[in-house]
């Protein structure tokens, strides 16, 4: 009688939960690009306004719009992701009357 045993070795990978450092929101459309941060490190950011991995440029988003960007982290074929909603608002120009105009008249 032929007795054959087969074994299957499985490796269970547990991913750490993603923690996103939330920037000061909302952000003005004229603000400088910001660095988005999350842990564990080594993941990638994707979505509207994302440049070079973790740089978010609000100038690329229409003012008054909220966009979702995603941080994805993984090991081998396992991955997890977390979304961050960013609202971009229009900056309002400030007019300052220094009184010089009335003095020059």
PDB file of N, CA and C in Angstrom:
ATOM      1  N   UNK A   1       0.847  -1.171   0.000  1.00  0.00           N
ATOM      2  CA  UNK A   1       0.000   0.000   0.000  1.00  0.00           C
ATOM      3  C   UNK A   1       0.897   1.240   0.000  1.00  0.00           C
ATOM      4  N   UNK A   2       0.524   2.170  -0.803  1.00  0.00           N
ATOM      5  CA  UNK A   2       1.272   3.415  -0.970  1.00  0.00           C
ATOM      6  C   UNK A   2       0.707   4.464  -0.025  1.00  0.00           C
ATOM      7  N   UNK A   3       1.568   5.011   0.855  1.00  0.00           N
ATOM      8  CA  UNK A   3       1.138   6.033   1.795  1.00  0.00           C
ATOM      9  C   UNK A   3       1.895   7.321   1.464  1.00  0.00           C
ATOM     10  N   UNK A   4       1.184   8.277   1.048  1.00  0.00           N
ATOM     11  CA  UNK A   4       1.804   9.538   0.669  1.00  0.00           C
ATOM     12  C   UNK A   4       1.235  10.661   1.530  1.00  0.00           C
ATOM     13  N   UNK A   5       2.126  11.441   2.086  1.00  0.00           N
ATOM     14  CA  UNK A   5       1.698  12.596   2.878  1.00  0.00           C
ATOM     15  C   UNK A   5       2.121  13.866   2.154  1.00  0.00           C
ATOM     16  N   UNK A   6       1.257  14.821   2.176  1.00  0.00           N
ATOM     17  CA  UNK A   6       1.565  16.109   1.565  1.00  0.00           C
ATOM     18  C   UNK A   6       1.386  17.189   2.614  1.00  0.00           C
ATOM     19  N   UNK A   7       2.316  18.086   2.606  1.00  0.00           N
ATOM     20  CA  UNK A   7       2.277  19.171   3.559  1.00  0.00           C
ATOM     21  C   UNK A   7       2.249  20.492   2.812  1.00  0.00           C
ATOM     22  N   UNK A   8       1.543  21.371   3.372  1.00  0.00           N
ATOM     23  CA  UNK A   8       1.484  22.723   2.826  1.00  0.00           C
ATOM     24  C   UNK A   8       1.905  23.670   3.941  1.00  0.00           C
ATOM     25  N   UNK A   9       2.953  24.388   3.692  1.00  0.00           N
ATOM     26  CA  UNK A   9       3.456  25.338   4.675  1.00  0.00           C
ATOM     27  C   UNK A   9       2.929  26.720   4.325  1.00  0.00           C
ATOM     28  N   UNK A  10       2.206  27.313   5.245  1.00  0.00           N
ATOM     29  CA  UNK A  10       1.649  28.647   5.041  1.00  0.00           C
ATOM     30  C   UNK A  10       2.341  29.626   5.965  1.00  0.00           C
ATOM     31  N   UNK A  11       2.647  30.783   5.441  1.00  0.00           N
ATOM     32  CA  UNK A  11       3.198  31.847   6.251  1.00  0.00           C
ATOM     33  C   UNK A  11       2.129  32.917   6.403  1.00  0.00           C
ATOM     34  N   UNK A  12       1.760  33.196   7.632  1.00  0.00           N
ATOM     35  CA  UNK A  12       0.756  34.214   7.903  1.00  0.00           C
ATOM     36  C   UNK A  12       1.487  35.527   8.200  1.00  0.00           C
ATOM     37  N   UNK A  13       1.173  36.509   7.414  1.00  0.00           N
ATOM     38  CA  UNK A  13       1.806  37.814   7.574  1.00  0.00           C
ATOM     39  C   UNK A  13       0.798  38.753   8.218  1.00  0.00           C
ATOM     40  N   UNK A  14       1.200  39.328   9.314  1.00  0.00           N
ATOM     41  CA  UNK A  14       0.358  40.306   9.991  1.00  0.00           C
ATOM     42  C   UNK A  14       0.924  41.691   9.722  1.00  0.00           C
ATOM     43  N   UNK A  15       0.123  42.527   9.112  1.00  0.00           N
ATOM     44  CA  UNK A  15       0.555  43.892   8.817  1.00  0.00           C
ATOM     45  C   UNK A  15       0.192  44.813   9.974  1.00  0.00           C
ATOM     46  N   UNK A  16       1.110  45.698  10.281  1.00  0.00           N
ATOM     47  CA  UNK A  16       0.829  46.706  11.300  1.00  0.00           C
ATOM     48  C   UNK A  16      -0.257  47.644  10.783  1.00  0.00           C
ATOM     49  N   UNK A  17      -1.104  48.164  11.677  1.00  0.00           N
ATOM     50  CA  UNK A  17      -2.106  49.136  11.225  1.00  0.00           C
ATOM     51  C   UNK A  17      -1.434  50.416  10.742  1.00  0.00           C
ATOM     52  N   UNK A  18      -2.076  51.061   9.804  1.00  0.00           N
ATOM     53  CA  UNK A  18      -1.556  52.325   9.259  1.00  0.00           C
ATOM     54  C   UNK A  18      -1.994  53.468  10.168  1.00  0.00           C
ATOM     55  N   UNK A  19      -1.045  54.317  10.474  1.00  0.00           N
ATOM     56  CA  UNK A  19      -1.317  55.546  11.236  1.00  0.00           C
ATOM     57  C   UNK A  19      -0.906  56.732  10.376  1.00  0.00           C
ATOM     58  N   UNK A  20      -1.881  57.576  10.058  1.00  0.00           N
ATOM     59  CA  UNK A  20      -1.619  58.754   9.236  1.00  0.00           C
ATOM     60  C   UNK A  20      -1.498  59.971  10.137  1.00  0.00           C
ATOM     61  N   UNK A  21      -0.428  60.733   9.940  1.00  0.00           N
ATOM     62  CA  UNK A  21      -0.272  62.009  10.630  1.00  0.00           C
ATOM     63  C   UNK A  21      -1.079  63.027   9.843  1.00  0.00           C
ATOM     64  N   UNK A  22      -2.131  63.533  10.446  1.00  0.00           N
ATOM     65  CA  UNK A  22      -3.043  64.426   9.725  1.00  0.00           C
ATOM     66  C   UNK A  22      -2.465  65.844   9.703  1.00  0.00           C
ATOM     67  N   UNK A  23      -2.286  66.391   8.485  1.00  0.00           N
ATOM     68  CA  UNK A  23      -1.788  67.773   8.383  1.00  0.00           C
ATOM     69  C   UNK A  23      -2.864  68.766   8.799  1.00  0.00           C
ATOM     70  N   UNK A  24      -2.469  70.022   8.960  1.00  0.00           N
ATOM     71  CA  UNK A  24      -3.449  71.071   9.260  1.00  0.00           C
ATOM     72  C   UNK A  24      -4.379  71.216   8.065  1.00  0.00           C
ATOM     73  N   UNK A  25      -5.648  70.946   8.280  1.00  0.00           N
ATOM     74  CA  UNK A  25      -6.630  70.996   7.204  1.00  0.00           C
ATOM     75  C   UNK A  25      -7.731  71.967   7.585  1.00  0.00           C
ATOM     76  N   UNK A  26      -8.448  72.589   6.664  1.00  0.00           N
ATOM     77  CA  UNK A  26      -8.211  72.533   5.217  1.00  0.00           C
ATOM     78  C   UNK A  26      -6.929  73.281   4.854  1.00  0.00           C
ATOM     79  N   UNK A  27      -6.544  73.145   3.601  1.00  0.00           N
ATOM     80  CA  UNK A  27      -5.329  73.768   3.104  1.00  0.00           C
ATOM     81  C   UNK A  27      -5.686  74.711   1.957  1.00  0.00           C
ATOM     82  N   UNK A  28      -5.024  75.852   1.904  1.00  0.00           N
ATOM     83  CA  UNK A  28      -5.293  76.835   0.834  1.00  0.00           C
ATOM     84  C   UNK A  28      -4.669  76.382  -0.482  1.00  0.00           C
ATOM     85  N   UNK A  29      -5.312  76.762  -1.567  1.00  0.00           N
ATOM     86  CA  UNK A  29      -4.804  76.392  -2.893  1.00  0.00           C
ATOM     87  C   UNK A  29      -3.474  77.070  -3.220  1.00  0.00           C
ATOM     88  N   UNK A  30      -3.132  78.124  -2.490  1.00  0.00           N
ATOM     89  CA  UNK A  30      -1.858  78.815  -2.728  1.00  0.00           C
ATOM     90  C   UNK A  30      -0.762  78.376  -1.750  1.00  0.00           C
ATOM     91  N   UNK A  31      -1.081  77.447  -0.862  1.00  0.00           N
ATOM     92  CA  UNK A  31      -0.083  76.958   0.093  1.00  0.00           C
ATOM     93  C   UNK A  31       0.998  76.173  -0.631  1.00  0.00           C
ATOM     94  N   UNK A  32       2.168  76.122  -0.023  1.00  0.00           N
ATOM     95  CA  UNK A  32       3.258  75.307  -0.562  1.00  0.00           C
ATOM     96  C   UNK A  32       2.886  73.834  -0.465  1.00  0.00           C
ATOM     97  N   UNK A  33       3.466  73.012  -1.327  1.00  0.00           N
ATOM     98  CA  UNK A  33       3.224  71.574  -1.208  1.00  0.00           C
ATOM     99  C   UNK A  33       3.604  71.075   0.194  1.00  0.00           C
ATOM    100  N   UNK A  34       2.878  70.064   0.668  1.00  0.00           N
ATOM    101  CA  UNK A  34       3.134  69.516   1.994  1.00  0.00           C
ATOM    102  C   UNK A  34       3.557  68.051   1.885  1.00  0.00           C
ATOM    103  N   UNK A  35       4.323  67.616   2.880  1.00  0.00           N
ATOM    104  CA  UNK A  35       4.739  66.217   2.945  1.00  0.00           C
ATOM    105  C   UNK A  35       3.705  65.466   3.770  1.00  0.00           C
ATOM    106  N   UNK A  36       3.128  64.424   3.185  1.00  0.00           N
ATOM    107  CA  UNK A  36       2.191  63.575   3.910  1.00  0.00           C
ATOM    108  C   UNK A  36       2.986  62.486   4.617  1.00  0.00           C
ATOM    109  N   UNK A  37       2.614  62.194   5.863  1.00  0.00           N
ATOM    110  CA  UNK A  37       3.353  61.226   6.653  1.00  0.00           C
ATOM    111  C   UNK A  37       2.420  60.132   7.156  1.00  0.00           C
ATOM    112  N   UNK A  38       2.952  58.904   7.163  1.00  0.00           N
ATOM    113  CA  UNK A  38       2.210  57.759   7.686  1.00  0.00           C
ATOM    114  C   UNK A  38       3.206  56.711   8.151  1.00  0.00           C
ATOM    115  N   UNK A  39       2.729  55.846   9.028  1.00  0.00           N
ATOM    116  CA  UNK A  39       3.536  54.706   9.444  1.00  0.00           C
ATOM    117  C   UNK A  39       2.656  53.459   9.358  1.00  0.00           C
ATOM    118  N   UNK A  40       3.263  52.324   9.110  1.00  0.00           N
ATOM    119  CA  UNK A  40       4.676  52.067   8.932  1.00  0.00           C
ATOM    120  C   UNK A  40       5.209  52.723   7.657  1.00  0.00           C
ATOM    121  N   UNK A  41       6.492  53.046   7.687  1.00  0.00           N
ATOM    122  CA  UNK A  41       7.115  53.679   6.528  1.00  0.00           C
ATOM    123  C   UNK A  41       7.265  52.663   5.408  1.00  0.00           C
ATOM    124  N   UNK A  42       7.551  53.170   4.234  1.00  0.00           N
ATOM    125  CA  UNK A  42       7.763  52.295   3.093  1.00  0.00           C
ATOM    126  C   UNK A  42       6.562  52.146   2.186  1.00  0.00           C
ATOM    127  N   UNK A  43       5.444  52.784   2.551  1.00  0.00           N
ATOM    128  CA  UNK A  43       4.257  52.719   1.708  1.00  0.00           C
ATOM    129  C   UNK A  43       4.287  53.811   0.654  1.00  0.00           C
ATOM    130  N   UNK A  44       3.236  53.856  -0.148  1.00  0.00           N
ATOM    131  CA  UNK A  44       3.145  54.874  -1.197  1.00  0.00           C
ATOM    132  C   UNK A  44       1.815  55.620  -1.083  1.00  0.00           C
ATOM    133  N   UNK A  45       1.859  56.894  -1.437  1.00  0.00           N
ATOM    134  CA  UNK A  45       0.665  57.737  -1.507  1.00  0.00           C
ATOM    135  C   UNK A  45       0.222  57.827  -2.960  1.00  0.00           C
ATOM    136  N   UNK A  46      -1.065  57.740  -3.184  1.00  0.00           N
ATOM    137  CA  UNK A  46      -1.624  57.894  -4.526  1.00  0.00           C
ATOM    138  C   UNK A  46      -2.880  58.756  -4.448  1.00  0.00           C
ATOM    139  N   UNK A  47      -3.215  59.360  -5.566  1.00  0.00           N
ATOM    140  CA  UNK A  47      -4.439  60.145  -5.638  1.00  0.00           C
ATOM    141  C   UNK A  47      -4.187  61.516  -6.233  1.00  0.00           C
ATOM    142  N   UNK A  48      -5.246  62.310  -6.369  1.00  0.00           N
ATOM    143  CA  UNK A  48      -5.130  63.645  -6.949  1.00  0.00           C
ATOM    144  C   UNK A  48      -4.203  64.534  -6.124  1.00  0.00           C
ATOM    145  N   UNK A  49      -3.332  65.252  -6.805  1.00  0.00           N
ATOM    146  CA  UNK A  49      -2.450  66.199  -6.147  1.00  0.00           C
ATOM    147  C   UNK A  49      -1.163  65.607  -5.587  1.00  0.00           C
ATOM    148  N   UNK A  50      -0.975  64.284  -5.726  1.00  0.00           N
ATOM    149  CA  UNK A  50       0.221  63.640  -5.183  1.00  0.00           C
ATOM    150  C   UNK A  50       1.360  63.737  -6.191  1.00  0.00           C
ATOM    151  N   UNK A  51       2.498  64.216  -5.698  1.00  0.00           N
ATOM    152  CA  UNK A  51       3.728  64.275  -6.489  1.00  0.00           C
ATOM    153  C   UNK A  51       4.795  63.470  -5.749  1.00  0.00           C
ATOM    154  N   UNK A  52       5.663  62.795  -6.437  1.00  0.00           N
ATOM    155  CA  UNK A  52       6.836  62.158  -5.832  1.00  0.00           C
ATOM    156  C   UNK A  52       6.543  61.469  -4.506  1.00  0.00           C
ATOM    157  N   UNK A  53       5.820  60.413  -4.500  1.00  0.00           N
ATOM    158  CA  UNK A  53       5.531  59.601  -3.313  1.00  0.00           C
ATOM    159  C   UNK A  53       4.634  60.274  -2.291  1.00  0.00           C
ATOM    160  N   UNK A  54       5.168  61.218  -1.519  1.00  0.00           N
ATOM    161  CA  UNK A  54       4.414  61.714  -0.369  1.00  0.00           C
ATOM    162  C   UNK A  54       4.167  63.219  -0.388  1.00  0.00           C
ATOM    163  N   UNK A  55       4.399  63.865  -1.513  1.00  0.00           N
ATOM    164  CA  UNK A  55       4.208  65.315  -1.611  1.00  0.00           C
ATOM    165  C   UNK A  55       2.818  65.600  -2.177  1.00  0.00           C
ATOM    166  N   UNK A  56       2.039  66.408  -1.434  1.00  0.00           N
ATOM    167  CA  UNK A  56       0.719  66.828  -1.905  1.00  0.00           C
ATOM    168  C   UNK A  56       0.801  68.293  -2.274  1.00  0.00           C
ATOM    169  N   UNK A  57       0.411  68.605  -3.517  1.00  0.00           N
ATOM    170  CA  UNK A  57       0.452  69.983  -4.008  1.00  0.00           C
ATOM    171  C   UNK A  57      -0.979  70.503  -4.157  1.00  0.00           C
ATOM    172  N   UNK A  58      -1.412  71.390  -3.259  1.00  0.00           N
ATOM    173  CA  UNK A  58      -2.786  71.891  -3.323  1.00  0.00           C
ATOM    174  C   UNK A  58      -3.080  72.722  -4.568  1.00  0.00           C
ATOM    175  N   UNK A  59      -2.037  73.238  -5.227  1.00  0.00           N
ATOM    176  CA  UNK A  59      -2.251  74.027  -6.443  1.00  0.00           C
ATOM    177  C   UNK A  59      -2.822  73.175  -7.573  1.00  0.00           C
ATOM    178  N   UNK A  60      -2.723  71.858  -7.462  1.00  0.00           N
ATOM    179  CA  UNK A  60      -3.237  70.963  -8.499  1.00  0.00           C
ATOM    180  C   UNK A  60      -4.707  70.624  -8.313  1.00  0.00           C
ATOM    181  N   UNK A  61      -5.310  71.111  -7.228  1.00  0.00           N
ATOM    182  CA  UNK A  61      -6.698  70.791  -6.899  1.00  0.00           C
ATOM    183  C   UNK A  61      -7.556  72.049  -7.028  1.00  0.00           C
ATOM    184  N   UNK A  62      -8.729  71.905  -7.596  1.00  0.00           N
ATOM    185  CA  UNK A  62      -9.659  73.023  -7.733  1.00  0.00           C
ATOM    186  C   UNK A  62     -10.112  73.477  -6.345  1.00  0.00           C
ATOM    187  N   UNK A  63      -9.988  74.775  -6.043  1.00  0.00           N
ATOM    188  CA  UNK A  63     -10.434  75.266  -4.737  1.00  0.00           C
ATOM    189  C   UNK A  63     -11.893  74.916  -4.471  1.00  0.00           C
ATOM    190  N   UNK A  64     -12.184  74.563  -3.225  1.00  0.00           N
ATOM    191  CA  UNK A  64     -13.532  74.167  -2.847  1.00  0.00           C
ATOM    192  C   UNK A  64     -13.783  72.686  -3.026  1.00  0.00           C
ATOM    193  N   UNK A  65     -12.739  71.952  -3.371  1.00  0.00           N
ATOM    194  CA  UNK A  65     -12.855  70.525  -3.638  1.00  0.00           C
ATOM    195  C   UNK A  65     -12.221  69.715  -2.517  1.00  0.00           C
ATOM    196  N   UNK A  66     -12.843  68.592  -2.185  1.00  0.00           N
ATOM    197  CA  UNK A  66     -12.235  67.610  -1.277  1.00  0.00           C
ATOM    198  C   UNK A  66     -11.790  66.431  -2.116  1.00  0.00           C
ATOM    199  N   UNK A  67     -10.564  65.962  -1.879  1.00  0.00           N
ATOM    200  CA  UNK A  67     -10.046  64.808  -2.596  1.00  0.00           C
ATOM    201  C   UNK A  67      -9.609  63.752  -1.586  1.00  0.00           C
ATOM    202  N   UNK A  68      -9.681  62.502  -1.977  1.00  0.00           N
ATOM    203  CA  UNK A  68      -9.192  61.408  -1.152  1.00  0.00           C
ATOM    204  C   UNK A  68      -7.869  60.942  -1.709  1.00  0.00           C
ATOM    205  N   UNK A  69      -6.868  60.890  -0.833  1.00  0.00           N
ATOM    206  CA  UNK A  69      -5.578  60.322  -1.187  1.00  0.00           C
ATOM    207  C   UNK A  69      -5.418  59.055  -0.353  1.00  0.00           C
ATOM    208  N   UNK A  70      -4.673  58.102  -0.877  1.00  0.00           N
ATOM    209  CA  UNK A  70      -4.568  56.787  -0.247  1.00  0.00           C
ATOM    210  C   UNK A  70      -3.120  56.443   0.054  1.00  0.00           C
ATOM    211  N   UNK A  71      -2.887  55.943   1.254  1.00  0.00           N
ATOM    212  CA  UNK A  71      -1.576  55.417   1.644  1.00  0.00           C
ATOM    213  C   UNK A  71      -1.689  53.901   1.642  1.00  0.00           C
ATOM    214  N   UNK A  72      -0.818  53.249   0.872  1.00  0.00           N
ATOM    215  CA  UNK A  72      -0.822  51.792   0.774  1.00  0.00           C
ATOM    216  C   UNK A  72       0.523  51.254   1.229  1.00  0.00           C
ATOM    217  N   UNK A  73       0.462  50.259   2.100  1.00  0.00           N
ATOM    218  CA  UNK A  73       1.662  49.648   2.661  1.00  0.00           C
ATOM    219  C   UNK A  73       1.513  48.138   2.520  1.00  0.00           C
ATOM    220  N   UNK A  74       2.605  47.469   2.195  1.00  0.00           N
ATOM    221  CA  UNK A  74       2.498  46.029   2.073  1.00  0.00           C
ATOM    222  C   UNK A  74       3.808  45.293   2.209  1.00  0.00           C
ATOM    223  N   UNK A  75       3.674  43.993   2.430  1.00  0.00           N
ATOM    224  CA  UNK A  75       4.797  43.061   2.479  1.00  0.00           C
ATOM    225  C   UNK A  75       4.437  41.898   1.568  1.00  0.00           C
ATOM    226  N   UNK A  76       5.349  41.592   0.647  1.00  0.00           N
ATOM    227  CA  UNK A  76       5.103  40.535  -0.343  1.00  0.00           C
ATOM    228  C   UNK A  76       3.793  40.810  -1.069  1.00  0.00           C
ATOM    229  N   UNK A  77       2.849  39.864  -1.041  1.00  0.00           N
ATOM    230  CA  UNK A  77       1.580  40.052  -1.750  1.00  0.00           C
ATOM    231  C   UNK A  77       0.460  40.536  -0.837  1.00  0.00           C
ATOM    232  N   UNK A  78       0.788  40.878   0.394  1.00  0.00           N
ATOM    233  CA  UNK A  78      -0.215  41.378   1.345  1.00  0.00           C
ATOM    234  C   UNK A  78      -0.094  42.892   1.439  1.00  0.00           C
ATOM    235  N   UNK A  79      -1.226  43.561   1.419  1.00  0.00           N
ATOM    236  CA  UNK A  79      -1.177  45.020   1.553  1.00  0.00           C
ATOM    237  C   UNK A  79      -2.414  45.513   2.283  1.00  0.00           C
ATOM    238  N   UNK A  80      -2.296  46.694   2.803  1.00  0.00           N
ATOM    239  CA  UNK A  80      -3.409  47.369   3.454  1.00  0.00           C
ATOM    240  C   UNK A  80      -3.332  48.844   3.071  1.00  0.00           C
ATOM    241  N   UNK A  81      -4.445  49.547   3.150  1.00  0.00           N
ATOM    242  CA  UNK A  81      -4.443  50.957   2.765  1.00  0.00           C
ATOM    243  C   UNK A  81      -5.384  51.748   3.658  1.00  0.00           C
ATOM    244  N   UNK A  82      -5.152  53.045   3.673  1.00  0.00           N
ATOM    245  CA  UNK A  82      -5.951  53.970   4.460  1.00  0.00           C
ATOM    246  C   UNK A  82      -6.116  55.247   3.640  1.00  0.00           C
ATOM    247  N   UNK A  83      -7.317  55.832   3.677  1.00  0.00           N
ATOM    248  CA  UNK A  83      -7.598  57.059   2.932  1.00  0.00           C
ATOM    249  C   UNK A  83      -7.525  58.282   3.840  1.00  0.00           C
ATOM    250  N   UNK A  84      -7.163  59.392   3.235  1.00  0.00           N
ATOM    251  CA  UNK A  84      -7.157  60.691   3.913  1.00  0.00           C
ATOM    252  C   UNK A  84      -7.898  61.665   3.002  1.00  0.00           C
ATOM    253  N   UNK A  85      -8.902  62.327   3.546  1.00  0.00           N
ATOM    254  CA  UNK A  85      -9.650  63.323   2.782  1.00  0.00           C
ATOM    255  C   UNK A  85      -9.041  64.694   3.036  1.00  0.00           C
ATOM    256  N   UNK A  86      -8.698  65.393   1.947  1.00  0.00           N
ATOM    257  CA  UNK A  86      -8.087  66.718   2.037  1.00  0.00           C
ATOM    258  C   UNK A  86      -8.984  67.725   1.318  1.00  0.00           C
ATOM    259  N   UNK A  87      -9.351  68.776   2.030  1.00  0.00           N
ATOM    260  CA  UNK A  87     -10.155  69.842   1.435  1.00  0.00           C
ATOM    261  C   UNK A  87      -9.238  71.012   1.101  1.00  0.00           C
ATOM    262  N   UNK A  88      -9.330  71.474  -0.135  1.00  0.00           N
ATOM    263  CA  UNK A  88      -8.536  72.614  -0.597  1.00  0.00           C
ATOM    264  C   UNK A  88      -9.485  73.801  -0.726  1.00  0.00           C
ATOM    265  N   UNK A  89      -9.128  74.891  -0.057  1.00  0.00           N
ATOM    266  CA  UNK A  89      -9.969  76.090  -0.104  1.00  0.00           C
ATOM    267  C   UNK A  89      -9.241  77.202  -0.852  1.00  0.00           C
ATOM    268  N   UNK A  90     -10.017  78.119  -1.392  1.00  0.00           N
ATOM    269  CA  UNK A  90      -9.425  79.258  -2.107  1.00  0.00           C
ATOM    270  C   UNK A  90      -8.876  80.253  -1.091  1.00  0.00           C
ATOM    271  N   UNK A  91      -7.690  80.741  -1.381  1.00  0.00           N
ATOM    272  CA  UNK A  91      -7.144  81.788  -0.514  1.00  0.00           C
ATOM    273  C   UNK A  91      -7.818  83.105  -0.884  1.00  0.00           C
ATOM    274  N   UNK A  92      -8.009  83.946   0.103  1.00  0.00           N
ATOM    275  CA  UNK A  92      -8.659  85.233  -0.107  1.00  0.00           C
ATOM    276  C   UNK A  92      -7.604  86.323  -0.028  1.00  0.00           C
ATOM    277  N   UNK A  93      -7.461  87.104  -1.103  1.00  0.00           N
ATOM    278  CA  UNK A  93      -6.482  88.192  -1.042  1.00  0.00           C
ATOM    279  C   UNK A  93      -6.884  89.224   0.002  1.00  0.00           C
ATOM    280  N   UNK A  94      -5.908  89.779   0.649  1.00  0.00           N
ATOM    281  CA  UNK A  94      -6.153  90.800   1.669  1.00  0.00           C
ATOM    282  C   UNK A  94      -5.705  92.145   1.110  1.00  0.00           C
ATOM    283  N   UNK A  95      -6.596  93.095   1.152  1.00  0.00           N
ATOM    284  CA  UNK A  95      -6.257  94.451   0.732  1.00  0.00           C
ATOM    285  C   UNK A  95      -5.990  95.285   1.978  1.00  0.00           C
ATOM    286  N   UNK A  96      -4.830  95.867   2.022  1.00  0.00           N
ATOM    287  CA  UNK A  96      -4.450  96.672   3.182  1.00  0.00           C
ATOM    288  C   UNK A  96      -4.319  98.124   2.726  1.00  0.00           C
ATOM    289  N   UNK A  97      -5.076  98.978   3.365  1.00  0.00           N
ATOM    290  CA  UNK A  97      -4.986 100.403   3.072  1.00  0.00           C
ATOM    291  C   UNK A  97      -4.040 101.018   4.116  1.00  0.00           C
ATOM    292  N   UNK A  98      -2.866 101.359   3.688  1.00  0.00           N
ATOM    293  CA  UNK A  98      -1.883 101.930   4.604  1.00  0.00           C
ATOM    294  C   UNK A  98      -2.081 103.418   4.821  1.00  0.00           C
ATOM    295  N   UNK A  99      -3.019 103.992   4.136  1.00  0.00           N
ATOM    296  CA  UNK A  99      -3.252 105.423   4.262  1.00  0.00           C
ATOM    297  C   UNK A  99      -2.378 106.246   3.332  1.00  0.00           C
ATOM    298  N   UNK A 100      -1.445 105.621   2.633  1.00  0.00           N
ATOM    299  CA  UNK A 100      -0.563 106.357   1.749  1.00  0.00           C
ATOM    300  C   UNK A 100      -1.322 106.943   0.555  1.00  0.00           C
ATOM    301  N   UNK A 101      -2.322 106.224   0.067  1.00  0.00           N
ATOM    302  CA  UNK A 101      -3.073 106.730  -1.077  1.00  0.00           C
ATOM    303  C   UNK A 101      -3.767 108.052  -0.754  1.00  0.00           C
ATOM    304  N   UNK A 102      -4.357 108.136   0.449  1.00  0.00           N
ATOM    305  CA  UNK A 102      -5.052 109.388   0.795  1.00  0.00           C
ATOM    306  C   UNK A 102      -4.065 110.506   1.102  1.00  0.00           C
ATOM    307  N   UNK A 103      -2.875 110.163   1.533  1.00  0.00           N
ATOM    308  CA  UNK A 103      -1.873 111.174   1.836  1.00  0.00           C
ATOM    309  C   UNK A 103      -1.257 111.761   0.563  1.00  0.00           C
ATOM    310  N   UNK A 104      -1.280 110.981  -0.523  1.00  0.00           N
ATOM    311  CA  UNK A 104      -0.673 111.430  -1.761  1.00  0.00           C
ATOM    312  C   UNK A 104      -1.610 112.323  -2.576  1.00  0.00           C
ATOM    313  N   UNK A 105      -2.834 112.448  -2.193  1.00  0.00           N
ATOM    314  CA  UNK A 105      -3.795 113.256  -2.936  1.00  0.00           C
ATOM    315  C   UNK A 105      -3.690 114.689  -2.604  1.00  0.00           C
TER     316      UNK A 105
END
